[in-house]
Amino acid sequence: MLVNIQSRHFSLSEALSKYVKTKVQIMLGRYEAKIIRADVSLFDINGPKGGEDKCCKIVVKINGASSIVVQETSEDLYDAINTCSRRGRRAVKRQLSNHVRARRKIKEILLLISKEAELKNTLT
């Protein structure tokens, strides 16, 4: 899984970059085969003014399904990263389970249609 990290309005340290990559890979590693990439954006909304203004945004591109976007704002950037990655894992899990259910439903419908067609052919 490819993890892209961008920072806006502050410089990205090597330690923070490693932390984000590790956190995202741990949280989404279970679904790594189905995920194309994860784009992480870190930014400071208010700049040097302070306050609850550190934001983490994660966009997960899933193979064969729509993208997932989660965002969290907090005073501490590490808290925002942790919360955002947990929410991202939940959203990916939900998206993939819905995707699997929909595919199973389609297969069941196609199987019923083919059985009905076979039954009609044997009766005529």
N, C-alpha and C. Protein backbone atom coordinates (compact mmCIF):
# COMPACT_ATOMS: atom_id res chain seq x y z
N MET A 1 0.86 -1.18 0.00
CA MET A 1 0.00 0.00 0.00
C MET A 1 0.90 1.23 0.00
N LEU A 2 0.59 2.14 -0.88
CA LEU A 2 1.35 3.37 -1.00
C LEU A 2 0.74 4.43 -0.08
N VAL A 3 1.57 5.06 0.74
CA VAL A 3 1.12 6.12 1.65
C VAL A 3 1.81 7.41 1.25
N ASN A 4 1.03 8.40 0.81
CA ASN A 4 1.56 9.72 0.45
C ASN A 4 1.23 10.68 1.58
N ILE A 5 2.23 11.46 2.01
CA ILE A 5 2.03 12.41 3.10
C ILE A 5 2.37 13.81 2.61
N GLN A 6 1.47 14.75 2.88
CA GLN A 6 1.70 16.15 2.56
C GLN A 6 1.45 16.97 3.82
N SER A 7 2.23 18.03 3.96
CA SER A 7 1.98 18.96 5.07
C SER A 7 1.83 20.36 4.51
N ARG A 8 0.93 21.09 5.11
CA ARG A 8 0.70 22.48 4.69
C ARG A 8 0.85 23.39 5.89
N HIS A 9 1.51 24.49 5.69
CA HIS A 9 1.70 25.54 6.69
C HIS A 9 2.64 25.14 7.82
N PHE A 10 3.38 24.05 7.66
CA PHE A 10 4.46 23.70 8.58
C PHE A 10 5.34 22.67 7.90
N SER A 11 6.56 22.52 8.42
CA SER A 11 7.48 21.56 7.81
C SER A 11 7.26 20.18 8.44
N LEU A 12 7.34 19.17 7.61
CA LEU A 12 7.12 17.79 8.04
C LEU A 12 8.44 17.19 8.50
N SER A 13 8.52 16.83 9.77
CA SER A 13 9.76 16.23 10.29
C SER A 13 9.82 14.76 9.90
N GLU A 14 11.01 14.21 9.94
CA GLU A 14 11.19 12.79 9.62
C GLU A 14 10.46 11.90 10.62
N ALA A 15 10.47 12.28 11.90
CA ALA A 15 9.80 11.49 12.93
C ALA A 15 8.28 11.48 12.71
N LEU A 16 7.72 12.62 12.39
CA LEU A 16 6.28 12.71 12.14
C LEU A 16 5.91 11.91 10.89
N SER A 17 6.72 11.98 9.87
CA SER A 17 6.48 11.22 8.65
C SER A 17 6.49 9.72 8.92
N LYS A 18 7.46 9.24 9.68
CA LYS A 18 7.53 7.82 10.04
C LYS A 18 6.33 7.41 10.87
N TYR A 19 5.94 8.28 11.82
CA TYR A 19 4.79 7.99 12.68
C TYR A 19 3.52 7.82 11.86
N VAL A 20 3.30 8.73 10.92
CA VAL A 20 2.09 8.68 10.10
C VAL A 20 2.08 7.43 9.23
N LYS A 21 3.19 7.13 8.58
CA LYS A 21 3.26 5.94 7.73
C LYS A 21 3.01 4.68 8.54
N THR A 22 3.65 4.58 9.69
CA THR A 22 3.47 3.40 10.55
C THR A 22 2.04 3.28 11.01
N LYS A 23 1.46 4.38 11.46
CA LYS A 23 0.09 4.37 11.97
C LYS A 23 -0.90 3.95 10.88
N VAL A 24 -0.76 4.51 9.70
CA VAL A 24 -1.68 4.20 8.60
C VAL A 24 -1.50 2.75 8.16
N GLN A 25 -0.27 2.27 8.08
CA GLN A 25 -0.03 0.89 7.66
C GLN A 25 -0.55 -0.10 8.69
N ILE A 26 -0.44 0.23 9.97
CA ILE A 26 -0.97 -0.66 11.01
C ILE A 26 -2.50 -0.67 10.96
N MET A 27 -3.10 0.50 10.86
CA MET A 27 -4.56 0.59 10.89
C MET A 27 -5.21 -0.01 9.64
N LEU A 28 -4.58 0.15 8.48
CA LEU A 28 -5.19 -0.31 7.23
C LEU A 28 -4.50 -1.55 6.66
N GLY A 29 -3.52 -2.09 7.37
CA GLY A 29 -2.74 -3.21 6.86
C GLY A 29 -3.57 -4.45 6.57
N ARG A 30 -4.61 -4.65 7.32
CA ARG A 30 -5.48 -5.81 7.13
C ARG A 30 -6.14 -5.79 5.74
N TYR A 31 -6.38 -4.61 5.23
CA TYR A 31 -7.05 -4.44 3.96
C TYR A 31 -6.08 -4.02 2.84
N GLU A 32 -4.80 -4.24 3.07
CA GLU A 32 -3.77 -3.76 2.15
C GLU A 32 -3.94 -4.27 0.72
N ALA A 33 -4.41 -5.49 0.56
CA ALA A 33 -4.58 -6.06 -0.78
C ALA A 33 -5.66 -5.34 -1.57
N LYS A 34 -6.61 -4.73 -0.89
CA LYS A 34 -7.72 -4.07 -1.57
C LYS A 34 -7.53 -2.55 -1.70
N ILE A 35 -6.52 -2.01 -1.03
CA ILE A 35 -6.29 -0.57 -1.03
C ILE A 35 -5.19 -0.23 -2.04
N ILE A 36 -5.48 0.74 -2.89
CA ILE A 36 -4.49 1.19 -3.87
C ILE A 36 -3.48 2.13 -3.20
N ARG A 37 -4.02 3.15 -2.52
CA ARG A 37 -3.12 4.08 -1.82
C ARG A 37 -3.90 4.86 -0.77
N ALA A 38 -3.15 5.48 0.12
CA ALA A 38 -3.71 6.35 1.14
C ALA A 38 -2.97 7.68 1.08
N ASP A 39 -3.72 8.76 0.89
CA ASP A 39 -3.14 10.10 0.86
C ASP A 39 -3.44 10.79 2.19
N VAL A 40 -2.40 11.20 2.89
CA VAL A 40 -2.55 11.85 4.18
C VAL A 40 -2.13 13.30 4.05
N SER A 41 -3.02 14.21 4.44
CA SER A 41 -2.72 15.65 4.45
C SER A 41 -2.75 16.14 5.88
N LEU A 42 -1.67 16.76 6.30
CA LEU A 42 -1.57 17.35 7.63
C LEU A 42 -1.45 18.85 7.47
N PHE A 43 -2.26 19.60 8.21
CA PHE A 43 -2.14 21.04 8.10
C PHE A 43 -2.53 21.75 9.38
N ASP A 44 -2.00 22.94 9.50
CA ASP A 44 -2.24 23.82 10.63
C ASP A 44 -3.15 24.93 10.13
N ILE A 45 -4.39 24.93 10.59
CA ILE A 45 -5.39 25.84 10.05
C ILE A 45 -5.09 27.30 10.39
N ASN A 46 -4.82 27.57 11.66
CA ASN A 46 -4.61 28.95 12.10
C ASN A 46 -3.16 29.41 12.09
N GLY A 47 -2.26 28.53 11.75
CA GLY A 47 -0.84 28.91 11.77
C GLY A 47 -0.35 29.11 13.19
N PRO A 48 0.42 30.14 13.45
CA PRO A 48 1.01 30.35 14.78
C PRO A 48 0.03 30.91 15.81
N LYS A 49 -1.22 31.14 15.45
CA LYS A 49 -2.18 31.71 16.40
C LYS A 49 -2.54 30.77 17.54
N GLY A 50 -2.46 29.46 17.30
CA GLY A 50 -2.79 28.48 18.35
C GLY A 50 -4.24 28.06 18.28
N GLY A 51 -4.66 27.29 19.28
CA GLY A 51 -6.04 26.83 19.33
C GLY A 51 -6.19 25.46 18.70
N GLU A 52 -7.43 25.00 18.62
CA GLU A 52 -7.73 23.69 18.04
C GLU A 52 -7.66 23.82 16.53
N ASP A 53 -6.48 23.64 16.01
CA ASP A 53 -6.31 23.93 14.59
C ASP A 53 -5.41 22.97 13.83
N LYS A 54 -5.01 21.88 14.42
CA LYS A 54 -4.22 20.89 13.71
C LYS A 54 -5.18 19.90 13.07
N CYS A 55 -5.00 19.64 11.80
CA CYS A 55 -5.96 18.83 11.06
C CYS A 55 -5.26 17.70 10.32
N CYS A 56 -5.89 16.54 10.31
CA CYS A 56 -5.41 15.39 9.56
C CYS A 56 -6.55 14.95 8.65
N LYS A 57 -6.23 14.75 7.38
CA LYS A 57 -7.21 14.30 6.40
C LYS A 57 -6.62 13.10 5.67
N ILE A 58 -7.37 12.00 5.64
CA ILE A 58 -6.91 10.79 4.98
C ILE A 58 -7.90 10.44 3.87
N VAL A 59 -7.37 10.25 2.67
CA VAL A 59 -8.16 9.80 1.52
C VAL A 59 -7.65 8.42 1.14
N VAL A 60 -8.54 7.43 1.20
CA VAL A 60 -8.16 6.05 0.90
C VAL A 60 -8.79 5.66 -0.43
N LYS A 61 -7.95 5.26 -1.38
CA LYS A 61 -8.41 4.80 -2.69
C LYS A 61 -8.50 3.28 -2.65
N ILE A 62 -9.73 2.76 -2.83
CA ILE A 62 -9.97 1.33 -2.76
C ILE A 62 -10.17 0.78 -4.17
N ASN A 63 -9.58 -0.37 -4.43
CA ASN A 63 -9.70 -1.01 -5.73
C ASN A 63 -11.14 -1.50 -5.94
N GLY A 64 -11.79 -1.00 -6.98
CA GLY A 64 -13.13 -1.45 -7.31
C GLY A 64 -14.24 -0.83 -6.50
N ALA A 65 -13.94 0.18 -5.70
CA ALA A 65 -14.97 0.84 -4.89
C ALA A 65 -14.64 2.34 -4.84
N SER A 66 -15.55 3.11 -4.27
CA SER A 66 -15.33 4.55 -4.19
C SER A 66 -14.29 4.89 -3.13
N SER A 67 -13.76 6.09 -3.21
CA SER A 67 -12.75 6.56 -2.26
C SER A 67 -13.41 6.91 -0.93
N ILE A 68 -12.62 6.83 0.13
CA ILE A 68 -13.09 7.17 1.47
C ILE A 68 -12.28 8.35 1.95
N VAL A 69 -12.97 9.35 2.51
CA VAL A 69 -12.31 10.54 3.04
C VAL A 69 -12.72 10.70 4.50
N VAL A 70 -11.72 10.79 5.38
CA VAL A 70 -11.97 11.07 6.80
C VAL A 70 -11.08 12.24 7.20
N GLN A 71 -11.60 13.06 8.10
CA GLN A 71 -10.86 14.25 8.53
C GLN A 71 -11.11 14.47 10.01
N GLU A 72 -10.07 14.91 10.71
CA GLU A 72 -10.17 15.18 12.14
C GLU A 72 -9.34 16.41 12.48
N THR A 73 -9.89 17.25 13.35
CA THR A 73 -9.20 18.45 13.82
C THR A 73 -9.04 18.36 15.33
N SER A 74 -7.86 18.72 15.81
CA SER A 74 -7.57 18.65 17.24
C SER A 74 -6.48 19.65 17.58
N GLU A 75 -6.29 19.88 18.89
CA GLU A 75 -5.20 20.74 19.34
C GLU A 75 -3.85 20.08 19.10
N ASP A 76 -3.81 18.76 19.29
CA ASP A 76 -2.57 18.00 19.14
C ASP A 76 -2.62 17.23 17.82
N LEU A 77 -1.60 17.36 17.02
CA LEU A 77 -1.57 16.72 15.71
C LEU A 77 -1.57 15.20 15.83
N TYR A 78 -0.89 14.66 16.83
CA TYR A 78 -0.85 13.21 17.02
C TYR A 78 -2.23 12.66 17.37
N ASP A 79 -2.99 13.39 18.17
CA ASP A 79 -4.37 12.97 18.48
C ASP A 79 -5.23 12.97 17.21
N ALA A 80 -5.06 13.99 16.39
CA ALA A 80 -5.81 14.06 15.13
C ALA A 80 -5.46 12.88 14.22
N ILE A 81 -4.18 12.53 14.15
CA ILE A 81 -3.74 11.40 13.32
C ILE A 81 -4.32 10.09 13.84
N ASN A 82 -4.26 9.89 15.16
CA ASN A 82 -4.78 8.66 15.75
C ASN A 82 -6.28 8.50 15.50
N THR A 83 -7.04 9.55 15.78
CA THR A 83 -8.48 9.49 15.60
C THR A 83 -8.85 9.31 14.14
N CYS A 84 -8.18 10.02 13.28
CA CYS A 84 -8.47 9.95 11.85
C CYS A 84 -8.15 8.56 11.29
N SER A 85 -7.07 7.96 11.72
CA SER A 85 -6.72 6.63 11.22
C SER A 85 -7.70 5.57 11.73
N ARG A 86 -8.17 5.70 12.97
CA ARG A 86 -9.18 4.77 13.49
C ARG A 86 -10.49 4.90 12.71
N ARG A 87 -10.91 6.13 12.47
CA ARG A 87 -12.13 6.36 11.70
C ARG A 87 -11.98 5.85 10.28
N GLY A 88 -10.79 6.00 9.72
CA GLY A 88 -10.52 5.50 8.38
C GLY A 88 -10.63 3.98 8.31
N ARG A 89 -10.10 3.31 9.32
CA ARG A 89 -10.19 1.84 9.35
C ARG A 89 -11.64 1.39 9.42
N ARG A 90 -12.43 2.04 10.26
CA ARG A 90 -13.85 1.69 10.37
C ARG A 90 -14.58 1.91 9.04
N ALA A 91 -14.27 3.03 8.39
CA ALA A 91 -14.94 3.35 7.12
C ALA A 91 -14.54 2.37 6.03
N VAL A 92 -13.26 1.99 5.98
CA VAL A 92 -12.81 1.01 4.98
C VAL A 92 -13.47 -0.34 5.23
N LYS A 93 -13.53 -0.75 6.48
CA LYS A 93 -14.17 -2.02 6.82
C LYS A 93 -15.63 -2.01 6.39
N ARG A 94 -16.33 -0.94 6.69
CA ARG A 94 -17.75 -0.83 6.33
C ARG A 94 -17.92 -0.83 4.81
N GLN A 95 -17.09 -0.08 4.11
CA GLN A 95 -17.18 0.01 2.65
C GLN A 95 -16.94 -1.35 2.00
N LEU A 96 -15.93 -2.05 2.46
CA LEU A 96 -15.60 -3.35 1.86
C LEU A 96 -16.66 -4.40 2.19
N SER A 97 -17.22 -4.37 3.38
CA SER A 97 -18.27 -5.34 3.71
C SER A 97 -19.53 -5.07 2.90
N ASN A 98 -19.88 -3.80 2.69
CA ASN A 98 -21.02 -3.46 1.84
C ASN A 98 -20.78 -3.89 0.41
N HIS A 99 -19.55 -3.72 -0.07
CA HIS A 99 -19.18 -4.09 -1.43
C HIS A 99 -19.32 -5.60 -1.63
N VAL A 100 -18.87 -6.37 -0.65
CA VAL A 100 -18.94 -7.83 -0.73
C VAL A 100 -20.40 -8.28 -0.71
N ARG A 101 -21.21 -7.68 0.18
CA ARG A 101 -22.63 -8.04 0.25
C ARG A 101 -23.34 -7.76 -1.07
N ALA A 102 -23.04 -6.63 -1.67
CA ALA A 102 -23.67 -6.27 -2.95
C ALA A 102 -23.27 -7.27 -4.04
N ARG A 103 -22.01 -7.66 -4.07
CA ARG A 103 -21.56 -8.63 -5.08
C ARG A 103 -22.22 -9.99 -4.87
N ARG A 104 -22.38 -10.41 -3.61
CA ARG A 104 -23.04 -11.68 -3.32
C ARG A 104 -24.50 -11.64 -3.77
N LYS A 105 -25.15 -10.52 -3.51
CA LYS A 105 -26.55 -10.36 -3.90
C LYS A 105 -26.70 -10.46 -5.41
N ILE A 106 -25.80 -9.83 -6.14
CA ILE A 106 -25.83 -9.89 -7.61
C ILE A 106 -25.63 -11.33 -8.09
N LYS A 107 -24.70 -12.05 -7.48
CA LYS A 107 -24.46 -13.44 -7.86
C LYS A 107 -25.69 -14.29 -7.59
N GLU A 108 -26.34 -14.08 -6.45
CA GLU A 108 -27.55 -14.83 -6.12
C GLU A 108 -28.66 -14.57 -7.13
N ILE A 109 -28.83 -13.33 -7.52
CA ILE A 109 -29.86 -12.97 -8.49
C ILE A 109 -29.56 -13.61 -9.85
N LEU A 110 -28.31 -13.55 -10.27
CA LEU A 110 -27.94 -14.16 -11.55
C LEU A 110 -28.13 -15.68 -11.52
N LEU A 111 -27.84 -16.30 -10.39
CA LEU A 111 -28.02 -17.74 -10.25
C LEU A 111 -29.50 -18.10 -10.34
N LEU A 112 -30.36 -17.31 -9.68
CA LEU A 112 -31.80 -17.55 -9.75
C LEU A 112 -32.33 -17.39 -11.17
N ILE A 113 -31.86 -16.38 -11.86
CA ILE A 113 -32.29 -16.15 -13.25
C ILE A 113 -31.89 -17.31 -14.14
N SER A 114 -30.67 -17.81 -13.96
CA SER A 114 -30.22 -18.94 -14.79
C SER A 114 -31.00 -20.21 -14.47
N LYS A 115 -31.33 -20.42 -13.20
CA LYS A 115 -32.13 -21.60 -12.83
C LYS A 115 -33.53 -21.50 -13.42
N GLU A 116 -34.12 -20.32 -13.40
CA GLU A 116 -35.44 -20.13 -13.98
C GLU A 116 -35.40 -20.38 -15.48
N ALA A 117 -34.34 -19.93 -16.14
CA ALA A 117 -34.21 -20.15 -17.58
C ALA A 117 -34.07 -21.64 -17.89
N GLU A 118 -33.30 -22.37 -17.08
CA GLU A 118 -33.15 -23.81 -17.27
C GLU A 118 -34.48 -24.53 -17.07
N LEU A 119 -35.22 -24.09 -16.06
CA LEU A 119 -36.51 -24.69 -15.78
C LEU A 119 -37.49 -24.48 -16.94
N LYS A 120 -37.50 -23.30 -17.50
CA LYS A 120 -38.36 -23.00 -18.66
C LYS A 120 -37.97 -23.86 -19.87
N ASN A 121 -36.67 -24.04 -20.07
CA ASN A 121 -36.19 -24.85 -21.19
C ASN A 121 -36.59 -26.32 -21.04
N THR A 122 -36.56 -26.83 -19.82
CA THR A 122 -36.93 -28.23 -19.60
C THR A 122 -38.43 -28.44 -19.72
N LEU A 123 -39.22 -27.44 -19.39
CA LEU A 123 -40.67 -27.56 -19.48
C LEU A 123 -41.17 -27.44 -20.92
N THR A 124 -40.46 -26.73 -21.76
CA THR A 124 -40.92 -26.55 -23.15
C THR A 124 -40.34 -27.54 -24.10
